[in-house]
Amino acid sequence: MTRLALRAFCLGTSLITAAPAFAADPATCAPVRMADLGWTDIILTNTTAEVILKALGYQPSQTLLGMDVAYVSMRSGEIDVFQGNWRPVQNDQYKEFFDDGSVEELGQNLTGAKFTLAVPKYVADAGVKSFADLAGYTDKFGGKIYAIEPGSNQPLLDMVAENRHGLGKWEIVESSEAGMLTQVSKMYPKGEWVAFLGWEPHPMNLNYELTYLEGGDLEFGPDFGGATVHTLSRKGYAAECPNAAKFFSQLAFDLNYENFGMQKIMGDGLLAPEAAHAMIAARPELLEAWLKDVTTLDGQPGLPAVKAALGL
C-alpha cells in the first residue's frame, strides 16, 4: 500500500470511528400503543408524540380507556405507554401496579400541575373557599360535585363514603371531562353554583374565573393538589424498545404548551393533529431536547428527519 493510500485509509477509518453511533429499534417496536383517557391534555400530549413518532418511522396509535383499564392493559402488555400518571393523587390507588413491577416509569412530563375541587370565583366571593365550606351551602349546590370518568374520582368517592367535610350525603356525578365541563358551561353564565373537579393545565383556566378550594390535602395532597405528571410504560418496554423509550423519557411539556395547545382543540376547534403541529411549529426549540440522541426507527438521526417531515 502506498503512503497516500495508507493515509486515505487511516483518515477514512478515523472518520468512521468518530461518527456518532445510532442504534435502531427492532421492527417489532414500530407499533407504539398509547392509552388515552379522553382528557384533552393527554390527547394533546399523545398526539404530539404521535406526530413525532410517525416522522421517525413508527406506527403510533391511541386507545380510549378508563384509568383502571389503562393500568390493567399495561400489566397485560396490551398498552405500551401512558402519559397521564398524576402524582401524588394516583399513588395509593394504583400502588399495586408499581409494587409488582407491572408498570415502569419512563420520565416526568410536566411540573406545576394542580388537581382538586374548584368553584367559580363568584361562588368563592360568596363564602366558599375551602372543602369545609361546601356543606354549609348544600342547597345552593344541589348536593352535587361534578367529576370526570369513572375510575378517576376515587378520592371524591372516598370523601363522601367517609363523610369528610360533612359531605356524606352529597353525590359525585361521574361522566367525563367533556360532560363535566358542559355542565359548568351551562351553569357559569347564569351565575349558578357549581363545584367540580378542576385542574391545570387546562383551558378552563383561560375560559373561566375559577377558585381552587383549600383544605383538600387528604383527598388530593397539599398545594391545591400540586402535582407532577409522569409517563409510564408496560414492564420491559424500555429494554425491548430503547429508542422509543428514550424519546418518551425526554418528552416533557410546560403549562403554556398544554394550556394553549388544549385551547386550540377545545376553543378553536382544531383537530388534535392540527393543534400538535401548530404547537410544535410555535415551539420548535422543544424538539432539540425531545430528540436528543433519538433516531428514526431504522437508525438515522432523528432531529433532522422530524424537522424535514414537519417542514421546520
Protein backbone atom coordinates (compact mmCIF):
# COMPACT_ATOMS: atom_id res chain seq x y z
CA MET A 1 0.00 0.00 0.00
CA THR A 2 1.37 3.42 -0.94
CA ARG A 3 1.79 6.17 1.65
CA LEU A 4 -1.03 8.13 0.01
CA ALA A 5 -3.35 5.13 0.05
CA LEU A 6 -2.41 4.38 3.66
CA ARG A 7 -3.16 7.97 4.73
CA ALA A 8 -6.51 7.83 2.95
CA PHE A 9 -7.34 4.53 4.64
CA CYS A 10 -6.43 5.85 8.08
CA LEU A 11 -8.41 9.06 7.55
CA GLY A 12 -11.46 7.10 6.47
CA THR A 13 -11.17 4.81 9.46
CA SER A 14 -10.90 7.75 11.89
CA LEU A 15 -13.98 9.40 10.39
CA ILE A 16 -15.98 6.22 10.80
CA THR A 17 -14.80 5.88 14.39
CA ALA A 18 -15.65 9.50 15.17
CA ALA A 19 -19.15 9.33 13.67
CA PRO A 20 -21.97 9.09 16.23
CA ALA A 21 -23.35 5.63 16.80
CA PHE A 22 -27.07 5.24 16.24
CA ALA A 23 -28.96 2.10 17.20
CA ALA A 24 -32.31 1.38 15.63
CA ASP A 25 -35.17 -0.26 17.49
CA PRO A 26 -36.19 -3.67 16.15
CA ALA A 27 -39.10 -3.74 13.70
CA THR A 28 -41.32 -5.21 16.42
CA CYS A 29 -41.18 -1.80 18.13
CA ALA A 30 -42.81 0.00 15.20
CA PRO A 31 -46.31 -0.13 16.73
CA VAL A 32 -46.47 2.18 19.76
CA ARG A 33 -49.74 1.71 21.66
CA MET A 34 -50.68 4.67 23.89
CA ALA A 35 -53.51 4.89 26.43
CA ASP A 36 -55.95 7.79 26.05
CA LEU A 37 -58.31 8.66 28.90
CA GLY A 38 -60.37 11.14 26.88
CA TRP A 39 -58.68 14.01 28.75
CA THR A 40 -57.72 16.83 26.40
CA ASP A 41 -54.27 17.20 27.98
CA ILE A 42 -53.46 13.56 27.25
CA ILE A 43 -54.99 13.84 23.77
CA LEU A 44 -52.61 16.75 23.14
CA THR A 45 -49.52 15.07 24.60
CA ASN A 46 -50.30 11.73 22.96
CA THR A 47 -50.88 13.39 19.60
CA THR A 48 -47.67 15.41 19.94
CA ALA A 49 -45.88 12.10 20.47
CA GLU A 50 -47.82 10.55 17.59
CA VAL A 51 -46.83 13.31 15.12
CA ILE A 52 -43.15 12.94 16.01
CA LEU A 53 -43.17 9.13 16.12
CA LYS A 54 -44.70 8.97 12.64
CA ALA A 55 -41.92 11.23 11.37
CA LEU A 56 -39.44 8.80 12.94
CA GLY A 57 -40.99 5.85 11.10
CA TYR A 58 -43.04 4.36 13.93
CA GLN A 59 -46.73 3.40 13.82
CA PRO A 60 -48.31 5.01 16.92
CA SER A 61 -51.92 4.55 17.97
CA GLN A 62 -54.16 5.68 20.82
CA THR A 63 -56.83 3.62 22.59
CA LEU A 64 -59.55 5.24 24.69
CA LEU A 65 -59.66 3.55 28.11
CA GLY A 66 -60.76 4.23 31.66
CA MET A 67 -57.86 4.83 34.01
CA ASP A 68 -58.29 1.48 35.77
CA VAL A 69 -58.26 -0.29 32.41
CA ALA A 70 -55.18 1.66 31.29
CA TYR A 71 -53.19 0.24 34.21
CA VAL A 72 -54.54 -3.26 33.70
CA SER A 73 -53.74 -3.03 29.98
CA MET A 74 -50.12 -2.10 30.73
CA ARG A 75 -49.92 -5.03 33.11
CA SER A 76 -51.26 -7.39 30.43
CA GLY A 77 -48.95 -5.97 27.76
CA GLU A 78 -51.75 -4.57 25.60
CA ILE A 79 -50.68 -0.92 26.10
CA ASP A 80 -47.09 0.30 25.80
CA VAL A 81 -47.17 3.88 27.10
CA PHE A 82 -49.37 6.04 29.36
CA GLN A 83 -48.60 9.77 29.74
CA GLY A 84 -51.22 10.52 32.42
CA ASN A 85 -49.76 9.35 35.73
CA TRP A 86 -50.62 12.30 38.02
CA ARG A 87 -48.77 12.15 41.33
CA PRO A 88 -49.43 12.04 44.19
CA VAL A 89 -53.16 11.59 43.52
CA GLN A 90 -52.68 8.22 41.75
CA ASN A 91 -50.01 6.90 44.11
CA ASP A 92 -52.21 4.99 46.54
CA GLN A 93 -54.96 3.94 44.15
CA TYR A 94 -52.53 2.26 41.73
CA LYS A 95 -49.80 1.30 44.19
CA GLU A 96 -50.11 -2.41 43.40
CA PHE A 97 -49.04 -1.87 39.78
CA PHE A 98 -45.81 -0.20 40.89
CA ASP A 99 -45.22 -2.68 43.69
CA ASP A 100 -45.46 -5.72 41.43
CA GLY A 101 -43.37 -4.09 38.68
CA SER A 102 -46.07 -4.35 36.02
CA VAL A 103 -45.56 -0.66 35.11
CA GLU A 104 -42.31 1.25 34.85
CA GLU A 105 -41.62 4.99 34.84
CA LEU A 106 -40.04 6.49 31.73
CA GLY A 107 -39.91 10.10 32.91
CA GLN A 108 -41.67 13.17 34.25
CA ASN A 109 -43.53 15.05 31.54
CA LEU A 110 -44.97 18.05 33.47
CA THR A 111 -44.35 20.08 36.61
CA GLY A 112 -46.53 22.76 38.19
CA ALA A 113 -49.82 20.98 37.70
CA LYS A 114 -52.70 21.07 40.19
CA PHE A 115 -55.76 18.88 40.64
CA THR A 116 -58.54 19.47 43.17
CA LEU A 117 -62.07 20.83 43.55
CA ALA A 118 -62.85 24.21 42.00
CA VAL A 119 -65.75 26.67 42.02
CA PRO A 120 -66.43 29.82 40.01
CA LYS A 121 -64.92 32.94 41.57
CA TYR A 122 -68.40 34.35 42.23
CA VAL A 123 -69.06 31.32 44.46
CA ALA A 124 -65.80 31.85 46.33
CA ASP A 125 -66.62 35.53 46.75
CA ALA A 126 -69.90 34.46 48.39
CA GLY A 127 -68.05 32.43 51.03
CA VAL A 128 -66.93 29.07 49.60
CA LYS A 129 -63.15 28.97 49.72
CA SER A 130 -62.49 25.51 51.15
CA PHE A 131 -63.80 21.95 51.21
CA ALA A 132 -65.12 22.67 54.70
CA ASP A 133 -67.35 25.46 53.36
CA LEU A 134 -69.26 23.28 50.88
CA ALA A 135 -71.63 21.57 53.32
CA GLY A 136 -72.99 24.90 54.54
CA TYR A 137 -74.34 25.58 51.05
CA THR A 138 -75.72 22.15 50.16
CA ASP A 139 -78.94 23.56 48.73
CA LYS A 140 -77.09 26.06 46.55
CA PHE A 141 -75.00 23.26 45.03
CA GLY A 142 -77.85 20.77 44.89
CA GLY A 143 -75.67 18.45 46.96
CA LYS A 144 -73.61 17.57 43.87
CA ILE A 145 -69.99 17.65 42.81
CA TYR A 146 -69.37 17.15 39.10
CA ALA A 147 -66.49 14.86 38.23
CA ILE A 148 -64.91 13.06 35.28
CA GLU A 149 -64.94 9.47 34.04
CA PRO A 150 -65.45 6.53 36.43
CA GLY A 151 -62.12 5.27 37.73
CA SER A 152 -60.66 8.75 38.10
CA ASN A 153 -62.69 10.03 41.05
CA GLN A 154 -61.80 7.67 43.88
CA PRO A 155 -60.59 10.42 46.25
CA LEU A 156 -64.00 12.11 45.98
CA LEU A 157 -65.92 8.85 46.35
CA ASP A 158 -63.91 8.01 49.47
CA MET A 159 -64.52 11.51 50.81
CA VAL A 160 -68.30 11.04 50.57
CA ALA A 161 -68.22 7.46 51.85
CA GLU A 162 -66.32 8.59 54.96
CA ASN A 163 -68.45 11.71 55.44
CA ARG A 164 -65.44 14.00 55.37
CA HIS A 165 -66.13 17.74 55.47
CA GLY A 166 -69.79 16.92 56.24
CA LEU A 167 -70.35 15.75 52.65
CA GLY A 168 -71.58 12.23 53.38
CA LYS A 169 -74.93 12.79 51.67
CA TRP A 170 -73.54 14.55 48.61
CA GLU A 171 -73.47 12.93 45.16
CA ILE A 172 -70.39 12.63 42.96
CA VAL A 173 -71.71 12.94 39.42
CA GLU A 174 -69.35 10.90 37.22
CA SER A 175 -69.38 11.44 33.46
CA SER A 176 -66.32 12.60 31.51
CA GLU A 177 -64.14 15.68 31.15
CA ALA A 178 -66.37 16.91 28.33
CA GLY A 179 -69.57 16.08 30.20
CA MET A 180 -68.41 17.82 33.36
CA LEU A 181 -67.34 20.95 31.52
CA THR A 182 -70.58 21.03 29.55
CA GLN A 183 -72.38 21.23 32.89
CA VAL A 184 -70.08 24.03 34.05
CA SER A 185 -70.59 25.93 30.79
CA LYS A 186 -74.36 25.80 31.28
CA MET A 187 -74.28 27.00 34.88
CA TYR A 188 -71.45 29.55 34.81
CA PRO A 189 -73.12 32.20 32.59
CA LYS A 190 -76.24 32.09 34.79
CA GLY A 191 -74.24 32.60 37.97
CA GLU A 192 -75.40 29.23 39.30
CA TRP A 193 -73.42 27.45 41.98
CA VAL A 194 -71.33 24.53 40.80
CA ALA A 195 -68.47 22.57 42.37
CA PHE A 196 -66.38 20.40 40.10
CA LEU A 197 -63.04 18.70 39.65
CA GLY A 198 -60.61 21.25 38.24
CA TRP A 199 -57.02 21.09 37.15
CA GLU A 200 -54.22 22.87 35.38
CA PRO A 201 -53.04 22.67 32.66
CA HIS A 202 -56.42 23.07 31.01
CA PRO A 203 -58.16 25.86 29.07
CA MET A 204 -60.81 26.00 31.79
CA ASN A 205 -58.25 28.25 33.49
CA LEU A 206 -58.34 30.58 30.49
CA ASN A 207 -62.11 30.44 29.95
CA TYR A 208 -63.49 30.83 33.49
CA GLU A 209 -62.57 32.79 36.59
CA LEU A 210 -62.01 29.90 38.99
CA THR A 211 -61.06 29.46 42.63
CA TYR A 212 -59.41 26.20 43.70
CA LEU A 213 -60.61 25.13 47.13
CA GLU A 214 -58.32 24.86 50.12
CA GLY A 215 -58.44 22.04 52.65
CA GLY A 216 -58.42 19.06 50.31
CA ASP A 217 -54.99 17.79 51.33
CA LEU A 218 -56.31 14.38 52.40
CA GLU A 219 -58.11 13.91 49.10
CA PHE A 220 -55.64 15.42 46.61
CA GLY A 221 -52.50 16.41 48.51
CA PRO A 222 -51.13 19.82 49.54
CA ASP A 223 -50.83 22.96 47.43
CA PHE A 224 -54.23 22.50 45.78
CA GLY A 225 -53.37 19.02 44.66
CA GLY A 226 -49.99 20.20 43.44
CA ALA A 227 -48.86 17.52 41.06
CA THR A 228 -46.26 16.26 38.69
CA VAL A 229 -47.28 14.18 35.69
CA HIS A 230 -45.26 11.13 34.70
CA THR A 231 -45.00 8.82 31.70
CA LEU A 232 -45.32 5.11 32.37
CA SER A 233 -44.78 2.05 30.24
CA ARG A 234 -45.53 -1.62 30.45
CA LYS A 235 -42.89 -3.80 32.09
CA GLY A 236 -39.86 -4.36 29.88
CA TYR A 237 -40.75 -1.76 27.24
CA ALA A 238 -37.57 0.29 27.69
CA ALA A 239 -35.42 -2.84 27.38
CA GLU A 240 -37.23 -4.01 24.24
CA CYS A 241 -37.58 -0.62 22.53
CA PRO A 242 -34.83 1.61 23.97
CA ASN A 243 -35.02 4.28 21.27
CA ALA A 244 -38.77 4.86 21.58
CA ALA A 245 -38.46 4.73 25.36
CA LYS A 246 -35.68 7.32 25.28
CA PHE A 247 -37.92 9.64 23.27
CA PHE A 248 -40.74 9.30 25.80
CA SER A 249 -38.30 9.81 28.68
CA GLN A 250 -37.36 13.20 27.18
CA LEU A 251 -40.84 14.26 26.04
CA ALA A 252 -41.60 16.93 28.67
CA PHE A 253 -44.08 19.80 28.38
CA ASP A 254 -44.86 23.01 30.25
CA LEU A 255 -48.10 24.67 31.35
CA ASN A 256 -48.13 27.12 28.44
CA TYR A 257 -47.68 24.38 25.85
CA GLU A 258 -50.59 22.42 27.29
CA ASN A 259 -52.95 25.29 28.18
CA PHE A 260 -52.69 26.89 24.75
CA GLY A 261 -52.50 23.59 22.87
CA MET A 262 -55.65 22.38 24.58
CA GLN A 263 -57.34 25.68 23.83
CA LYS A 264 -56.66 25.12 20.14
CA ILE A 265 -58.59 21.86 20.38
CA MET A 266 -61.38 22.85 22.75
CA GLY A 267 -61.80 26.52 21.89
CA ASP A 268 -60.56 26.96 18.32
CA GLY A 269 -61.95 23.69 17.00
CA LEU A 270 -58.68 22.31 15.63
CA LEU A 271 -58.26 18.58 15.31
CA ALA A 272 -55.66 17.17 17.70
CA PRO A 273 -53.02 16.62 14.97
CA GLU A 274 -53.52 20.20 13.75
CA ALA A 275 -53.11 21.52 17.29
CA ALA A 276 -49.99 19.44 17.87
CA HIS A 277 -48.45 20.60 14.58
CA ALA A 278 -49.25 24.22 15.46
CA MET A 279 -47.71 23.98 18.92
CA ILE A 280 -44.56 22.25 17.66
CA ALA A 281 -44.21 24.91 14.96
CA ALA A 282 -44.63 27.62 17.62
CA ARG A 283 -42.11 25.95 19.97
CA PRO A 284 -39.56 24.24 17.65
CA GLU A 285 -36.81 24.60 20.27
CA LEU A 286 -38.50 21.82 22.25
CA LEU A 287 -37.55 19.30 19.56
CA GLU A 288 -33.86 19.64 20.47
CA ALA A 289 -34.47 18.25 23.96
CA TRP A 290 -37.16 15.77 22.95
CA LEU A 291 -35.00 14.17 20.25
CA LYS A 292 -31.53 14.32 21.82
CA ASP A 293 -29.77 11.08 20.76
CA VAL A 294 -33.06 9.70 19.41
CA THR A 295 -33.06 8.03 16.00
CA THR A 296 -35.57 7.07 13.37
CA LEU A 297 -36.83 3.50 13.55
CA ASP A 298 -34.15 2.47 11.05
CA GLY A 299 -31.33 4.19 12.96
CA GLN A 300 -30.90 7.55 11.23
CA PRO A 301 -30.54 10.81 13.21
CA GLY A 302 -34.00 11.71 14.48
CA LEU A 303 -33.98 15.52 14.74
CA PRO A 304 -33.31 16.31 11.06
CA ALA A 305 -35.78 13.62 9.99
CA VAL A 306 -38.55 15.12 12.12
CA LYS A 307 -37.80 18.70 11.06
CA ALA A 308 -37.89 17.67 7.41
CA ALA A 309 -41.15 15.75 7.83
CA LEU A 310 -42.80 18.67 9.61
CA GLY A 311 -41.41 21.34 7.31
CA LEU A 312 -39.46 23.10 10.08
